[in-house]
Each structure stands twice: as C-alpha cells, then as structure tokens.
Amino acid sequence: MAETQTDVGRRRVLIAEDEALIRLDLAEMLAEEGYEVVGEAGDGETAVRLAEELKPDLVILDIKMPIMDGLAAAERIAGTRIAPVIILTAFSQRDLVERARAAGAMAYLVKPFQKSDLVPAVEIALSRYSEIAALEAEVAGLTDRLEVRKIVERAKGALMTAYGMTEPQAFKWIQRTAMDHRMTMKEVSERILAETAGGEVGQPAS
C-alpha cells in the first residue's frame, strides 16, 4: 500500500517559476495533494537562497528564469545536497533532459502538465533522492558508489520483473533485507542478480 501524505508528514516544497500564473497553478496542485508550499521564487538566484534558508524536501525549478536559469540553480541546490530537484521545461528535446540530469535533477516535467503528471514526478524525485542518500551512507568513495548504484539498479529491475514491484518498493525491499540480514545493499543485490541469472528468483536474501 502506498504511503499517504499523512503517513510521511507534509512534504515541504519550494517553487521557482518566473510566470506567476504557472507558479499559482503549481502551488494549488501541490496543496490539493497535501504538499506544503513553503516558498516561491521568480528567478534562480532567489530559489537557491530560499532553498538554503528553508531546507525544503523538494525544489521545483523552471528551466528558463532570469538572473540564474533553472539548470544552474539545480546544480547549486543538488550539488550541496539541499533537496531533490524537479526541472520544468516547455521543451522536450533529449539534450535538455540530459543537461537537467547532469545538473542533478531527479525528475523533469514538460509544460503544459496536469496534476496527474506532477504528483508521480514529485514522488519519483523524492524516492530517487532517498535512495541516493542511503547508498552514499553505505559507500564512501565516489567510484564505488557509482558501481553499487549500477548493481542495485539491476537488482531492482529483477525484483520489479519477478514480483511486479514498483521501483520504490524494490529499493525498500533491498534496503530492509540488507538491514535484517546485516548485509550491505550491494551484497543483497549481488545475491538477487546471481539467483536471477540461475533462473531462480525466490527469496534472494533469505
């Protein structure tokens, strides 16, 4: 069963969008879904300052803003591990998506979007961010961290295929199993992958 906003507490969101009407729509959509909008900005520089001051759970940034654009702001916010970032763009070109990802964005939304597009993007961004934080806590070195992320991603895929789990459910399963069996997430993931390769996807870490 999916977590509700009541279960996890109200997620605090900062919005940065230079068009006031879009900013208002965003704030209304988020409020209707139980999120708390703690700050709003019309340019990237203000967004970075507010993110540093307010320490929100999530930052939504428009790609094109005055003073500092959304990509530069995303690099600053994601680079200092303040919060996960969602990028808003009116363009769907592949290169822009890649640049947003390189800037540290956890998800992106192409305008115009509906509430049905916004909420999954928010949950994906929050989920991916918590996964990265958990992996960073387990592995110190950057090279090792990237290697572990690849292994965990493959193991998540195996669990999703075998059990019909969602991506967050698969990660939580790996994380919980690692804790229960006093193993690292890398070790659990390697067990899952070994058993998948052998044609057996039973209880991989039991």
N, C-alpha and C. Protein backbone atom coordinates (compact mmCIF):
# COMPACT_ATOMS: atom_id res chain seq x y z
N MET A 1 0.84 -1.20 0.00
CA MET A 1 0.00 0.00 0.00
C MET A 1 0.87 1.25 0.00
N ALA A 2 0.54 2.20 -0.84
CA ALA A 2 1.37 3.40 -0.98
C ALA A 2 1.26 4.28 0.26
N GLU A 3 2.34 4.97 0.56
CA GLU A 3 2.31 5.91 1.68
C GLU A 3 1.50 7.13 1.31
N THR A 4 0.74 7.65 2.25
CA THR A 4 -0.01 8.88 2.02
C THR A 4 0.76 10.03 2.63
N GLN A 5 0.32 11.25 2.32
CA GLN A 5 0.97 12.41 2.91
C GLN A 5 0.83 12.41 4.42
N THR A 6 -0.26 11.84 4.93
CA THR A 6 -0.46 11.77 6.38
C THR A 6 0.58 10.85 7.00
N ASP A 7 0.88 9.73 6.30
CA ASP A 7 1.85 8.77 6.82
C ASP A 7 3.24 9.39 6.93
N VAL A 8 3.65 10.11 5.91
CA VAL A 8 5.03 10.60 5.86
C VAL A 8 5.18 12.03 6.37
N GLY A 9 4.07 12.68 6.71
CA GLY A 9 4.14 14.08 7.07
C GLY A 9 4.07 14.93 5.82
N ARG A 10 3.69 16.17 5.98
CA ARG A 10 3.54 17.04 4.81
C ARG A 10 4.90 17.39 4.23
N ARG A 11 5.10 17.02 2.97
CA ARG A 11 6.36 17.34 2.28
C ARG A 11 6.40 18.84 1.99
N ARG A 12 7.53 19.45 2.28
CA ARG A 12 7.70 20.89 2.11
C ARG A 12 8.35 21.17 0.75
N VAL A 13 7.69 21.99 -0.06
CA VAL A 13 8.13 22.21 -1.44
C VAL A 13 8.41 23.69 -1.70
N LEU A 14 9.50 23.96 -2.42
CA LEU A 14 9.85 25.30 -2.87
C LEU A 14 9.62 25.35 -4.39
N ILE A 15 8.94 26.37 -4.86
CA ILE A 15 8.65 26.53 -6.29
C ILE A 15 9.41 27.74 -6.85
N ALA A 16 10.07 27.54 -7.99
CA ALA A 16 10.73 28.65 -8.68
C ALA A 16 10.27 28.66 -10.13
N GLU A 17 9.51 29.67 -10.49
CA GLU A 17 8.93 29.80 -11.83
C GLU A 17 8.68 31.28 -12.08
N ASP A 18 9.17 31.81 -13.20
CA ASP A 18 9.05 33.25 -13.41
C ASP A 18 7.67 33.68 -13.91
N GLU A 19 6.84 32.74 -14.35
CA GLU A 19 5.48 33.09 -14.75
C GLU A 19 4.53 32.88 -13.58
N ALA A 20 3.96 34.00 -13.09
CA ALA A 20 3.15 33.98 -11.87
C ALA A 20 1.96 33.03 -11.95
N LEU A 21 1.31 32.95 -13.13
CA LEU A 21 0.13 32.09 -13.25
C LEU A 21 0.50 30.61 -13.12
N ILE A 22 1.61 30.23 -13.73
CA ILE A 22 2.06 28.84 -13.63
C ILE A 22 2.45 28.53 -12.20
N ARG A 23 3.11 29.50 -11.55
CA ARG A 23 3.51 29.33 -10.15
C ARG A 23 2.28 29.12 -9.26
N LEU A 24 1.24 29.90 -9.52
CA LEU A 24 -0.01 29.78 -8.76
C LEU A 24 -0.66 28.42 -8.99
N ASP A 25 -0.72 27.98 -10.26
CA ASP A 25 -1.28 26.67 -10.58
C ASP A 25 -0.52 25.55 -9.87
N LEU A 26 0.79 25.65 -9.90
CA LEU A 26 1.64 24.65 -9.25
C LEU A 26 1.35 24.57 -7.76
N ALA A 27 1.30 25.74 -7.13
CA ALA A 27 1.06 25.81 -5.69
C ALA A 27 -0.30 25.20 -5.34
N GLU A 28 -1.31 25.48 -6.17
CA GLU A 28 -2.65 24.94 -5.91
C GLU A 28 -2.68 23.42 -6.07
N MET A 29 -2.05 22.93 -7.13
CA MET A 29 -1.99 21.48 -7.36
C MET A 29 -1.31 20.77 -6.19
N LEU A 30 -0.19 21.32 -5.76
CA LEU A 30 0.57 20.71 -4.67
C LEU A 30 -0.22 20.73 -3.37
N ALA A 31 -0.87 21.86 -3.08
CA ALA A 31 -1.67 21.99 -1.85
C ALA A 31 -2.82 20.99 -1.85
N GLU A 32 -3.46 20.83 -3.01
CA GLU A 32 -4.58 19.89 -3.13
C GLU A 32 -4.15 18.44 -2.87
N GLU A 33 -2.88 18.15 -3.15
CA GLU A 33 -2.37 16.80 -2.94
C GLU A 33 -1.70 16.62 -1.57
N GLY A 34 -1.79 17.65 -0.73
CA GLY A 34 -1.28 17.52 0.63
C GLY A 34 0.15 17.98 0.85
N TYR A 35 0.77 18.56 -0.19
CA TYR A 35 2.12 19.10 -0.01
C TYR A 35 2.03 20.52 0.54
N GLU A 36 3.07 20.95 1.23
CA GLU A 36 3.11 22.30 1.79
C GLU A 36 4.09 23.16 0.99
N VAL A 37 3.60 24.19 0.34
CA VAL A 37 4.48 25.11 -0.41
C VAL A 37 5.06 26.12 0.59
N VAL A 38 6.36 26.00 0.86
CA VAL A 38 6.99 26.83 1.89
C VAL A 38 7.65 28.08 1.32
N GLY A 39 7.80 28.14 -0.01
CA GLY A 39 8.44 29.31 -0.60
C GLY A 39 8.23 29.35 -2.10
N GLU A 40 8.25 30.58 -2.65
CA GLU A 40 8.11 30.77 -4.09
C GLU A 40 9.15 31.78 -4.55
N ALA A 41 9.66 31.56 -5.77
CA ALA A 41 10.67 32.47 -6.33
C ALA A 41 10.40 32.67 -7.81
N GLY A 42 10.83 33.82 -8.32
CA GLY A 42 10.64 34.13 -9.73
C GLY A 42 11.93 34.08 -10.53
N ASP A 43 13.06 33.77 -9.85
CA ASP A 43 14.34 33.63 -10.54
C ASP A 43 15.20 32.60 -9.81
N GLY A 44 16.20 32.11 -10.51
CA GLY A 44 17.04 31.04 -9.96
C GLY A 44 17.86 31.44 -8.76
N GLU A 45 18.34 32.68 -8.75
CA GLU A 45 19.17 33.15 -7.64
C GLU A 45 18.38 33.16 -6.33
N THR A 46 17.15 33.67 -6.40
CA THR A 46 16.29 33.69 -5.23
C THR A 46 15.95 32.26 -4.79
N ALA A 47 15.75 31.38 -5.78
CA ALA A 47 15.44 29.98 -5.48
C ALA A 47 16.56 29.33 -4.67
N VAL A 48 17.80 29.56 -5.07
CA VAL A 48 18.95 28.98 -4.36
C VAL A 48 19.00 29.52 -2.93
N ARG A 49 18.81 30.84 -2.79
CA ARG A 49 18.86 31.47 -1.45
C ARG A 49 17.77 30.90 -0.55
N LEU A 50 16.54 30.79 -1.09
CA LEU A 50 15.42 30.26 -0.30
C LEU A 50 15.64 28.79 0.05
N ALA A 51 16.20 28.03 -0.88
CA ALA A 51 16.48 26.61 -0.62
C ALA A 51 17.47 26.47 0.54
N GLU A 52 18.49 27.33 0.55
CA GLU A 52 19.49 27.29 1.63
C GLU A 52 18.86 27.69 2.97
N GLU A 53 17.93 28.65 2.93
CA GLU A 53 17.30 29.13 4.17
C GLU A 53 16.22 28.18 4.68
N LEU A 54 15.37 27.68 3.77
CA LEU A 54 14.18 26.94 4.17
C LEU A 54 14.40 25.43 4.28
N LYS A 55 15.46 24.91 3.62
CA LYS A 55 15.74 23.47 3.62
C LYS A 55 14.48 22.64 3.31
N PRO A 56 13.87 22.87 2.13
CA PRO A 56 12.65 22.14 1.78
C PRO A 56 12.93 20.67 1.48
N ASP A 57 11.87 19.87 1.36
CA ASP A 57 12.02 18.46 1.00
C ASP A 57 12.18 18.30 -0.51
N LEU A 58 11.75 19.32 -1.26
CA LEU A 58 11.78 19.25 -2.72
C LEU A 58 11.81 20.65 -3.30
N VAL A 59 12.53 20.83 -4.42
CA VAL A 59 12.55 22.11 -5.13
C VAL A 59 12.11 21.87 -6.58
N ILE A 60 11.14 22.67 -7.05
CA ILE A 60 10.70 22.60 -8.44
C ILE A 60 11.19 23.85 -9.15
N LEU A 61 11.98 23.68 -10.21
CA LEU A 61 12.62 24.80 -10.89
C LEU A 61 12.23 24.86 -12.37
N ASP A 62 11.81 26.03 -12.83
CA ASP A 62 11.60 26.22 -14.26
C ASP A 62 12.96 26.34 -14.93
N ILE A 63 13.05 25.83 -16.15
CA ILE A 63 14.34 25.83 -16.85
C ILE A 63 14.79 27.23 -17.24
N LYS A 64 13.82 28.08 -17.65
CA LYS A 64 14.17 29.42 -18.12
C LYS A 64 13.70 30.46 -17.11
N MET A 65 14.66 31.06 -16.42
CA MET A 65 14.36 32.12 -15.45
C MET A 65 15.42 33.20 -15.53
N PRO A 66 15.07 34.42 -15.13
CA PRO A 66 16.06 35.50 -15.15
C PRO A 66 17.13 35.33 -14.07
N ILE A 67 18.21 36.09 -14.22
CA ILE A 67 19.36 36.15 -13.29
C ILE A 67 20.14 34.83 -13.29
N MET A 68 19.49 33.74 -12.91
CA MET A 68 20.12 32.41 -12.95
C MET A 68 19.07 31.42 -13.45
N ASP A 69 19.42 30.64 -14.48
CA ASP A 69 18.40 29.72 -15.01
C ASP A 69 18.26 28.49 -14.12
N GLY A 70 17.25 27.66 -14.46
CA GLY A 70 16.94 26.51 -13.63
C GLY A 70 18.04 25.47 -13.57
N LEU A 71 18.78 25.29 -14.67
CA LEU A 71 19.86 24.31 -14.68
C LEU A 71 20.99 24.72 -13.73
N ALA A 72 21.35 26.01 -13.76
CA ALA A 72 22.40 26.50 -12.87
C ALA A 72 21.95 26.41 -11.41
N ALA A 73 20.69 26.77 -11.17
CA ALA A 73 20.14 26.69 -9.81
C ALA A 73 20.10 25.23 -9.33
N ALA A 74 19.73 24.32 -10.25
CA ALA A 74 19.68 22.90 -9.90
C ALA A 74 21.06 22.38 -9.51
N GLU A 75 22.09 22.80 -10.24
CA GLU A 75 23.46 22.39 -9.93
C GLU A 75 23.85 22.83 -8.52
N ARG A 76 23.47 24.06 -8.16
CA ARG A 76 23.80 24.59 -6.84
C ARG A 76 23.05 23.84 -5.74
N ILE A 77 21.75 23.63 -5.95
CA ILE A 77 20.90 23.01 -4.92
C ILE A 77 21.21 21.52 -4.78
N ALA A 78 21.30 20.82 -5.92
CA ALA A 78 21.60 19.38 -5.88
C ALA A 78 23.04 19.13 -5.46
N GLY A 79 23.94 20.00 -5.90
CA GLY A 79 25.36 19.83 -5.60
C GLY A 79 25.68 19.92 -4.13
N THR A 80 24.91 20.71 -3.39
CA THR A 80 25.12 20.85 -1.95
C THR A 80 24.16 19.97 -1.14
N ARG A 81 23.45 19.07 -1.84
CA ARG A 81 22.56 18.09 -1.20
C ARG A 81 21.51 18.75 -0.31
N ILE A 82 20.96 19.87 -0.78
CA ILE A 82 19.90 20.53 -0.01
C ILE A 82 18.59 19.76 -0.15
N ALA A 83 18.23 19.43 -1.39
CA ALA A 83 16.95 18.76 -1.65
C ALA A 83 16.95 18.21 -3.06
N PRO A 84 16.07 17.25 -3.33
CA PRO A 84 15.90 16.79 -4.72
C PRO A 84 15.26 17.88 -5.57
N VAL A 85 15.55 17.86 -6.87
CA VAL A 85 15.09 18.91 -7.78
C VAL A 85 14.28 18.30 -8.93
N ILE A 86 13.16 18.97 -9.25
CA ILE A 86 12.41 18.66 -10.46
C ILE A 86 12.55 19.86 -11.40
N ILE A 87 12.86 19.60 -12.66
CA ILE A 87 13.00 20.67 -13.65
C ILE A 87 11.73 20.77 -14.49
N LEU A 88 11.23 22.00 -14.65
CA LEU A 88 10.09 22.28 -15.53
C LEU A 88 10.61 22.87 -16.83
N THR A 89 10.12 22.36 -17.94
CA THR A 89 10.53 22.91 -19.22
C THR A 89 9.39 22.89 -20.23
N ALA A 90 9.40 23.86 -21.13
CA ALA A 90 8.40 23.89 -22.20
C ALA A 90 8.90 23.11 -23.40
N PHE A 91 10.10 22.57 -23.30
CA PHE A 91 10.71 21.85 -24.41
C PHE A 91 10.96 20.40 -24.02
N SER A 92 10.86 19.51 -24.99
CA SER A 92 11.07 18.09 -24.68
C SER A 92 12.27 17.51 -25.40
N GLN A 93 13.20 18.37 -25.85
CA GLN A 93 14.37 17.86 -26.56
C GLN A 93 15.22 16.98 -25.64
N ARG A 94 15.77 15.95 -26.23
CA ARG A 94 16.56 14.99 -25.46
C ARG A 94 17.78 15.64 -24.80
N ASP A 95 18.43 16.57 -25.49
CA ASP A 95 19.64 17.18 -24.93
C ASP A 95 19.34 17.96 -23.66
N LEU A 96 18.14 18.56 -23.60
CA LEU A 96 17.76 19.34 -22.41
C LEU A 96 17.51 18.41 -21.22
N VAL A 97 16.92 17.26 -21.51
CA VAL A 97 16.69 16.26 -20.46
C VAL A 97 18.03 15.78 -19.91
N GLU A 98 18.99 15.53 -20.81
CA GLU A 98 20.31 15.08 -20.39
C GLU A 98 21.02 16.15 -19.56
N ARG A 99 20.88 17.41 -19.98
CA ARG A 99 21.50 18.51 -19.23
C ARG A 99 20.88 18.65 -17.85
N ALA A 100 19.57 18.45 -17.76
CA ALA A 100 18.87 18.53 -16.47
C ALA A 100 19.37 17.41 -15.56
N ARG A 101 19.52 16.22 -16.13
CA ARG A 101 20.01 15.09 -15.33
C ARG A 101 21.44 15.34 -14.87
N ALA A 102 22.25 15.88 -15.76
CA ALA A 102 23.64 16.18 -15.41
C ALA A 102 23.72 17.25 -14.32
N ALA A 103 22.73 18.14 -14.30
CA ALA A 103 22.69 19.20 -13.29
C ALA A 103 22.23 18.67 -11.94
N GLY A 104 21.78 17.43 -11.90
CA GLY A 104 21.38 16.84 -10.63
C GLY A 104 19.88 16.70 -10.44
N ALA A 105 19.09 16.99 -11.49
CA ALA A 105 17.64 16.86 -11.37
C ALA A 105 17.24 15.40 -11.23
N MET A 106 16.30 15.14 -10.33
CA MET A 106 15.82 13.78 -10.10
C MET A 106 14.67 13.42 -11.05
N ALA A 107 13.99 14.45 -11.58
CA ALA A 107 12.86 14.22 -12.50
C ALA A 107 12.64 15.52 -13.28
N TYR A 108 11.86 15.43 -14.35
CA TYR A 108 11.53 16.64 -15.10
C TYR A 108 10.10 16.55 -15.59
N LEU A 109 9.52 17.72 -15.85
CA LEU A 109 8.14 17.82 -16.34
C LEU A 109 8.11 18.74 -17.55
N VAL A 110 7.41 18.31 -18.61
CA VAL A 110 7.27 19.14 -19.80
C VAL A 110 5.94 19.88 -19.73
N LYS A 111 6.00 21.21 -19.86
CA LYS A 111 4.77 22.02 -19.84
C LYS A 111 4.08 21.96 -21.21
N PRO A 112 2.73 22.02 -21.26
CA PRO A 112 1.83 22.10 -20.11
C PRO A 112 1.64 20.72 -19.47
N PHE A 113 1.47 20.68 -18.15
CA PHE A 113 1.30 19.40 -17.47
C PHE A 113 0.04 19.44 -16.61
N GLN A 114 -0.43 18.26 -16.25
CA GLN A 114 -1.61 18.11 -15.39
C GLN A 114 -1.16 17.64 -14.01
N LYS A 115 -2.10 17.67 -13.07
CA LYS A 115 -1.80 17.17 -11.73
C LYS A 115 -1.37 15.70 -11.79
N SER A 116 -1.96 14.96 -12.74
CA SER A 116 -1.64 13.54 -12.89
C SER A 116 -0.19 13.33 -13.36
N ASP A 117 0.43 14.37 -13.94
CA ASP A 117 1.84 14.31 -14.32
C ASP A 117 2.73 14.76 -13.17
N LEU A 118 2.26 15.76 -12.42
CA LEU A 118 3.05 16.39 -11.37
C LEU A 118 3.32 15.45 -10.20
N VAL A 119 2.26 14.83 -9.69
CA VAL A 119 2.40 14.01 -8.47
C VAL A 119 3.37 12.84 -8.66
N PRO A 120 3.29 12.06 -9.77
CA PRO A 120 4.28 10.99 -9.95
C PRO A 120 5.71 11.51 -10.03
N ALA A 121 5.89 12.67 -10.68
CA ALA A 121 7.24 13.25 -10.78
C ALA A 121 7.78 13.62 -9.41
N VAL A 122 6.91 14.18 -8.55
CA VAL A 122 7.31 14.53 -7.18
C VAL A 122 7.72 13.28 -6.42
N GLU A 123 6.92 12.24 -6.49
CA GLU A 123 7.20 11.01 -5.75
C GLU A 123 8.46 10.31 -6.27
N ILE A 124 8.66 10.35 -7.59
CA ILE A 124 9.88 9.76 -8.18
C ILE A 124 11.11 10.51 -7.68
N ALA A 125 11.05 11.84 -7.69
CA ALA A 125 12.18 12.66 -7.26
C ALA A 125 12.52 12.39 -5.79
N LEU A 126 11.50 12.35 -4.94
CA LEU A 126 11.72 12.09 -3.52
C LEU A 126 12.29 10.70 -3.29
N SER A 127 11.76 9.72 -4.02
CA SER A 127 12.20 8.34 -3.88
C SER A 127 13.66 8.17 -4.33
N ARG A 128 13.98 8.72 -5.51
CA ARG A 128 15.35 8.59 -6.02
C ARG A 128 16.36 9.27 -5.10
N TYR A 129 15.96 10.41 -4.57
CA TYR A 129 16.85 11.18 -3.69
C TYR A 129 17.14 10.38 -2.42
N SER A 130 16.11 9.75 -1.85
CA SER A 130 16.31 8.97 -0.62
C SER A 130 17.17 7.74 -0.90
N GLU A 131 17.03 7.16 -2.10
CA GLU A 131 17.87 6.02 -2.48
C GLU A 131 19.34 6.42 -2.55
N ILE A 132 19.60 7.55 -3.20
CA ILE A 132 20.98 8.03 -3.34
C ILE A 132 21.59 8.32 -1.97
N ALA A 133 20.80 8.94 -1.09
CA ALA A 133 21.27 9.25 0.26
C ALA A 133 21.62 7.97 1.02
N ALA A 134 20.78 6.94 0.86
CA ALA A 134 21.03 5.67 1.55
C ALA A 134 22.30 5.00 1.02
N LEU A 135 22.50 5.04 -0.30
CA LEU A 135 23.69 4.43 -0.90
C LEU A 135 24.95 5.20 -0.51
N GLU A 136 24.85 6.53 -0.44
CA GLU A 136 26.00 7.34 -0.06
C GLU A 136 26.40 7.07 1.38
N ALA A 137 25.42 6.79 2.23
CA ALA A 137 25.71 6.49 3.63
C ALA A 137 26.44 5.15 3.75
N GLU A 138 26.18 4.25 2.80
CA GLU A 138 26.78 2.92 2.84
C GLU A 138 28.17 2.89 2.21
N VAL A 139 28.37 3.66 1.16
CA VAL A 139 29.64 3.62 0.41
C VAL A 139 30.29 5.00 0.40
N ALA A 140 31.54 5.06 0.81
CA ALA A 140 32.22 6.35 0.93
C ALA A 140 32.75 6.88 -0.40
N GLY A 141 33.47 6.05 -1.15
CA GLY A 141 34.12 6.52 -2.36
C GLY A 141 33.17 6.71 -3.53
N LEU A 142 33.42 7.74 -4.33
CA LEU A 142 32.54 8.05 -5.47
C LEU A 142 32.52 6.93 -6.50
N THR A 143 33.69 6.37 -6.83
CA THR A 143 33.75 5.29 -7.83
C THR A 143 32.99 4.08 -7.35
N ASP A 144 33.21 3.69 -6.09
CA ASP A 144 32.49 2.55 -5.51
C ASP A 144 31.00 2.81 -5.46
N ARG A 145 30.63 4.05 -5.15
CA ARG A 145 29.22 4.44 -5.04
C ARG A 145 28.51 4.25 -6.38
N LEU A 146 29.18 4.66 -7.47
CA LEU A 146 28.60 4.51 -8.81
C LEU A 146 28.44 3.04 -9.18
N GLU A 147 29.43 2.24 -8.79
CA GLU A 147 29.38 0.80 -9.07
C GLU A 147 28.21 0.17 -8.31
N VAL A 148 28.07 0.52 -7.04
CA VAL A 148 26.98 -0.02 -6.22
C VAL A 148 25.63 0.40 -6.76
N ARG A 149 25.51 1.66 -7.19
CA ARG A 149 24.25 2.13 -7.75
C ARG A 149 23.84 1.31 -8.97
N LYS A 150 24.82 0.97 -9.82
CA LYS A 150 24.51 0.17 -11.02
C LYS A 150 24.01 -1.22 -10.64
N ILE A 151 24.66 -1.83 -9.64
CA ILE A 151 24.27 -3.17 -9.20
C ILE A 151 22.88 -3.14 -8.58
N VAL A 152 22.63 -2.13 -7.74
CA VAL A 152 21.32 -2.01 -7.08
C VAL A 152 20.22 -1.75 -8.12
N GLU A 153 20.52 -0.91 -9.12
CA GLU A 153 19.54 -0.64 -10.19
C GLU A 153 19.15 -1.93 -10.91
N ARG A 154 20.15 -2.78 -11.21
CA ARG A 154 19.87 -4.04 -11.90
C ARG A 154 19.06 -4.98 -11.01
N ALA A 155 19.38 -5.01 -9.72
CA ALA A 155 18.65 -5.86 -8.78
C ALA A 155 17.21 -5.38 -8.62
N LYS A 156 17.02 -4.08 -8.60
CA LYS A 156 15.65 -3.53 -8.52
C LYS A 156 14.84 -3.99 -9.73
N GLY A 157 15.47 -3.93 -10.90
CA GLY A 157 14.80 -4.35 -12.12
C GLY A 157 14.38 -5.81 -12.06
N ALA A 158 15.26 -6.65 -11.48
CA ALA A 158 14.94 -8.08 -11.35
C ALA A 158 13.75 -8.29 -10.43
N LEU A 159 13.71 -7.56 -9.32
CA LEU A 159 12.59 -7.68 -8.38
C LEU A 159 11.29 -7.16 -9.00
N MET A 160 11.40 -6.08 -9.74
CA MET A 160 10.21 -5.50 -10.39
C MET A 160 9.62 -6.48 -11.40
N THR A 161 10.51 -7.15 -12.14
CA THR A 161 10.05 -8.13 -13.13
C THR A 161 9.45 -9.36 -12.46
N ALA A 162 10.13 -9.83 -11.42
CA ALA A 162 9.70 -11.08 -10.78
C ALA A 162 8.44 -10.92 -9.93
N TYR A 163 8.32 -9.79 -9.24
CA TYR A 163 7.23 -9.62 -8.28
C TYR A 163 6.24 -8.52 -8.63
N GLY A 164 6.49 -7.81 -9.73
CA GLY A 164 5.60 -6.71 -10.10
C GLY A 164 5.68 -5.54 -9.13
N MET A 165 6.84 -5.41 -8.47
CA MET A 165 7.03 -4.30 -7.53
C MET A 165 7.21 -2.99 -8.27
N THR A 166 6.93 -1.88 -7.60
CA THR A 166 7.30 -0.57 -8.12
C THR A 166 8.78 -0.36 -7.81
N GLU A 167 9.38 0.65 -8.42
CA GLU A 167 10.79 0.94 -8.17
C GLU A 167 11.06 1.24 -6.69
N PRO A 168 10.26 2.13 -6.03
CA PRO A 168 10.49 2.40 -4.60
C PRO A 168 10.32 1.15 -3.74
N GLN A 169 9.33 0.31 -4.06
CA GLN A 169 9.12 -0.92 -3.29
C GLN A 169 10.32 -1.85 -3.41
N ALA A 170 10.87 -1.96 -4.61
CA ALA A 170 12.03 -2.84 -4.83
C ALA A 170 13.23 -2.34 -4.04
N PHE A 171 13.45 -1.03 -4.03
CA PHE A 171 14.59 -0.49 -3.28
C PHE A 171 14.41 -0.71 -1.78
N LYS A 172 13.19 -0.45 -1.28
CA LYS A 172 12.93 -0.65 0.15
C LYS A 172 13.10 -2.10 0.55
N TRP A 173 12.73 -3.02 -0.36
CA TRP A 173 12.90 -4.45 -0.10
C TRP A 173 14.39 -4.77 0.07
N ILE A 174 15.21 -4.25 -0.85
CA ILE A 174 16.67 -4.48 -0.79
C ILE A 174 17.24 -3.88 0.50
N GLN A 175 16.83 -2.65 0.80
CA GLN A 175 17.34 -1.94 1.98
C GLN A 175 16.95 -2.68 3.27
N ARG A 176 15.69 -3.09 3.35
CA ARG A 176 15.20 -3.77 4.56
C ARG A 176 15.87 -5.13 4.72
N THR A 177 16.03 -5.85 3.60
CA THR A 177 16.68 -7.17 3.65
C THR A 177 18.13 -7.05 4.10
N ALA A 178 18.81 -6.02 3.60
CA ALA A 178 20.20 -5.79 4.00
C ALA A 178 20.30 -5.55 5.51
N MET A 179 19.37 -4.76 6.04
CA MET A 179 19.38 -4.47 7.48
C MET A 179 19.06 -5.72 8.29
N ASP A 180 18.04 -6.47 7.85
CA ASP A 180 17.61 -7.67 8.58
C ASP A 180 18.70 -8.74 8.64
N HIS A 181 19.49 -8.84 7.55
CA HIS A 181 20.50 -9.90 7.46
C HIS A 181 21.91 -9.37 7.70
N ARG A 182 22.01 -8.12 8.13
CA ARG A 182 23.31 -7.48 8.41
C ARG A 182 24.26 -7.62 7.22
N MET A 183 23.71 -7.30 6.05
CA MET A 183 24.48 -7.30 4.82
C MET A 183 24.47 -5.89 4.24
N THR A 184 25.34 -5.64 3.27
CA THR A 184 25.27 -4.37 2.56
C THR A 184 24.23 -4.50 1.44
N MET A 185 23.74 -3.37 0.94
CA MET A 185 22.80 -3.42 -0.17
C MET A 185 23.46 -4.00 -1.42
N LYS A 186 24.77 -3.80 -1.55
CA LYS A 186 25.50 -4.38 -2.68
C LYS A 186 25.46 -5.90 -2.61
N GLU A 187 25.70 -6.45 -1.40
CA GLU A 187 25.70 -7.90 -1.23
C GLU A 187 24.32 -8.50 -1.53
N VAL A 188 23.27 -7.84 -1.02
CA VAL A 188 21.91 -8.31 -1.27
C VAL A 188 21.62 -8.28 -2.78
N SER A 189 22.00 -7.18 -3.42
CA SER A 189 21.76 -7.03 -4.86
C SER A 189 22.49 -8.08 -5.67
N GLU A 190 23.73 -8.38 -5.27
CA GLU A 190 24.50 -9.40 -5.98
C GLU A 190 23.86 -10.78 -5.83
N ARG A 191 23.29 -11.05 -4.64
CA ARG A 191 22.57 -12.33 -4.43
C ARG A 191 21.36 -12.42 -5.35
N ILE A 192 20.61 -11.31 -5.42
CA ILE A 192 19.42 -11.27 -6.28
C ILE A 192 19.81 -11.53 -7.73
N LEU A 193 20.86 -10.85 -8.20
CA LEU A 193 21.29 -10.98 -9.59
C LEU A 193 21.82 -12.39 -9.88
N ALA A 194 22.53 -12.98 -8.91
CA ALA A 194 23.06 -14.34 -9.09
C ALA A 194 21.91 -15.34 -9.21
N GLU A 195 20.90 -15.17 -8.38
CA GLU A 195 19.77 -16.10 -8.41
C GLU A 195 18.91 -15.88 -9.65
N THR A 196 18.83 -14.63 -10.10
CA THR A 196 18.10 -14.34 -11.34
C THR A 196 18.80 -15.00 -12.51
N ALA A 197 20.12 -14.88 -12.56
CA ALA A 197 20.90 -15.48 -13.64
C ALA A 197 20.76 -17.00 -13.65
N GLY A 198 20.57 -17.56 -12.43
CA GLY A 198 20.44 -19.01 -12.33
C GLY A 198 19.00 -19.48 -12.56
N GLY A 199 18.14 -18.53 -12.90
CA GLY A 199 16.75 -18.88 -13.17
C GLY A 199 15.90 -19.01 -11.93
N GLU A 200 16.45 -18.63 -10.77
CA GLU A 200 15.69 -18.74 -9.54
C GLU A 200 15.56 -17.36 -8.91
N VAL A 201 14.34 -16.88 -8.83
CA VAL A 201 14.12 -15.61 -8.13
C VAL A 201 13.12 -15.90 -7.02
N GLY A 202 13.60 -16.61 -6.00
CA GLY A 202 12.75 -16.91 -4.86
C GLY A 202 12.85 -15.79 -3.85
N GLN A 203 13.34 -16.13 -2.69
CA GLN A 203 13.60 -15.10 -1.67
C GLN A 203 15.10 -14.85 -1.70
N PRO A 204 15.59 -13.88 -2.51
CA PRO A 204 17.00 -13.74 -2.82
C PRO A 204 17.92 -13.53 -1.64
N ALA A 205 17.44 -12.91 -0.56
CA ALA A 205 18.37 -12.63 0.53
C ALA A 205 17.97 -13.32 1.82
N SER A 206 17.13 -14.32 1.73
CA SER A 206 16.70 -15.00 2.95
C SER A 206 17.60 -16.19 3.24
